Protein backbone atom coordinates (compact mmCIF):
# COMPACT_ATOMS: atom_id res chain seq x y z
CA MET A 1 0.00 0.00 0.00
CA LYS A 2 2.86 2.38 0.80
CA ASN A 3 4.31 1.97 -2.70
CA ASN A 4 0.93 2.80 -4.23
CA ILE A 5 0.66 5.95 -2.11
CA GLN A 6 4.19 7.01 -3.03
CA MET A 7 3.48 6.35 -6.69
CA VAL A 8 0.34 8.50 -6.59
CA GLU A 9 2.26 11.26 -4.80
CA ASP A 10 5.04 11.10 -7.41
CA GLN A 11 2.49 11.28 -10.20
CA ASP A 12 0.72 14.20 -8.57
CA ASN A 13 3.99 16.07 -7.95
CA PHE A 14 5.09 15.57 -11.54
CA ILE A 15 1.79 16.82 -12.96
CA GLN A 16 1.76 19.82 -10.63
CA SER A 17 5.30 20.73 -11.64
CA LEU A 18 4.14 21.37 -15.22
CA ASP A 19 2.68 24.70 -16.22
CA ILE A 20 -0.67 24.87 -17.98
CA GLU A 21 0.87 25.60 -21.39
CA ARG A 22 3.10 22.55 -21.10
CA LEU A 23 0.11 20.40 -20.15
CA ARG A 24 -1.82 21.65 -23.18
CA GLU A 25 1.14 20.91 -25.44
CA ILE A 26 1.45 17.42 -23.99
CA GLU A 27 -2.26 16.83 -24.46
CA ASN A 28 -2.12 17.91 -28.10
CA GLN A 29 0.97 15.83 -28.80
CA SER A 30 -0.54 12.77 -27.16
CA LYS A 31 -3.61 12.99 -29.39
CA CYS A 32 -1.38 12.90 -32.45
CA LEU A 33 1.17 10.37 -31.27
CA PHE A 34 -1.03 7.73 -29.67
CA GLN A 35 -4.19 7.93 -31.74
CA ASN A 36 -3.33 5.04 -34.06
CA ASP A 37 -0.61 3.25 -32.12
CA ASN A 38 -1.50 -0.40 -32.69
CA LEU A 39 1.86 -1.61 -31.44
CA LEU A 40 1.17 -0.10 -28.03
CA GLN A 41 -2.15 -1.94 -27.89
CA GLU A 42 -0.57 -5.25 -28.96
CA ASN A 43 2.14 -5.08 -26.29
CA CYS A 44 0.02 -3.91 -23.37
CA TYR A 45 -0.94 -7.44 -22.27
CA ASP A 46 2.65 -8.20 -21.20
CA ASP A 47 2.69 -5.09 -19.03
CA ASP A 48 -0.55 -6.20 -17.34
CA LEU A 49 1.20 -9.24 -15.91
CA ARG A 50 3.72 -7.15 -13.94
CA TYR A 51 1.16 -5.52 -11.66
CA SER A 52 -0.99 -7.00 -8.93
CA ASN A 53 -4.02 -4.83 -9.64
CA ILE A 54 -5.43 -2.64 -12.37
CA ASP A 55 -5.13 0.59 -10.35
CA GLU A 56 -1.40 0.16 -9.94
CA TYR A 57 -1.08 -0.62 -13.65
CA ILE A 58 -3.06 2.47 -14.68
CA GLN A 59 -1.09 4.74 -12.35
CA ASN A 60 2.22 3.45 -13.69
CA MET A 61 1.07 3.87 -17.28
CA GLN A 62 -0.14 7.42 -16.67
CA LEU A 63 3.09 8.49 -14.99
CA ALA A 64 5.25 6.86 -17.66
CA GLU A 65 3.18 8.39 -20.46
CA LEU A 66 3.41 11.87 -18.97
CA ARG A 67 7.17 11.61 -18.60
CA THR A 68 7.52 10.36 -22.17
CA LEU A 69 5.28 13.09 -23.50
CA GLU A 70 7.22 15.76 -21.64
CA LYS A 71 10.45 14.50 -23.23
CA ILE A 72 8.81 14.59 -26.66
CA VAL A 73 7.53 18.13 -26.12
CA ASN A 74 10.97 19.23 -24.92
CA CYS A 75 12.57 17.79 -28.06
CA LEU A 76 9.99 19.36 -30.35
CA SER A 77 10.32 22.77 -28.73
CA LYS A 78 14.09 22.96 -29.33
């Protein structure tokens, strides 16, 4: 339970560290990048097996996606 709480806190802290413009950019980029990503859908079953419950899986996916999207936005803005 402690790991789940820490994970949620980390996710919350990361999201709060972003300004609203950055969040809008990430949202727009995610719509373009992940709209037709069949490979992501095909490989998601393997990831499901690593987690004991769906909440933990979703939280990990959200945090990982936000970090990835921030890196993409940073690269695109250079």
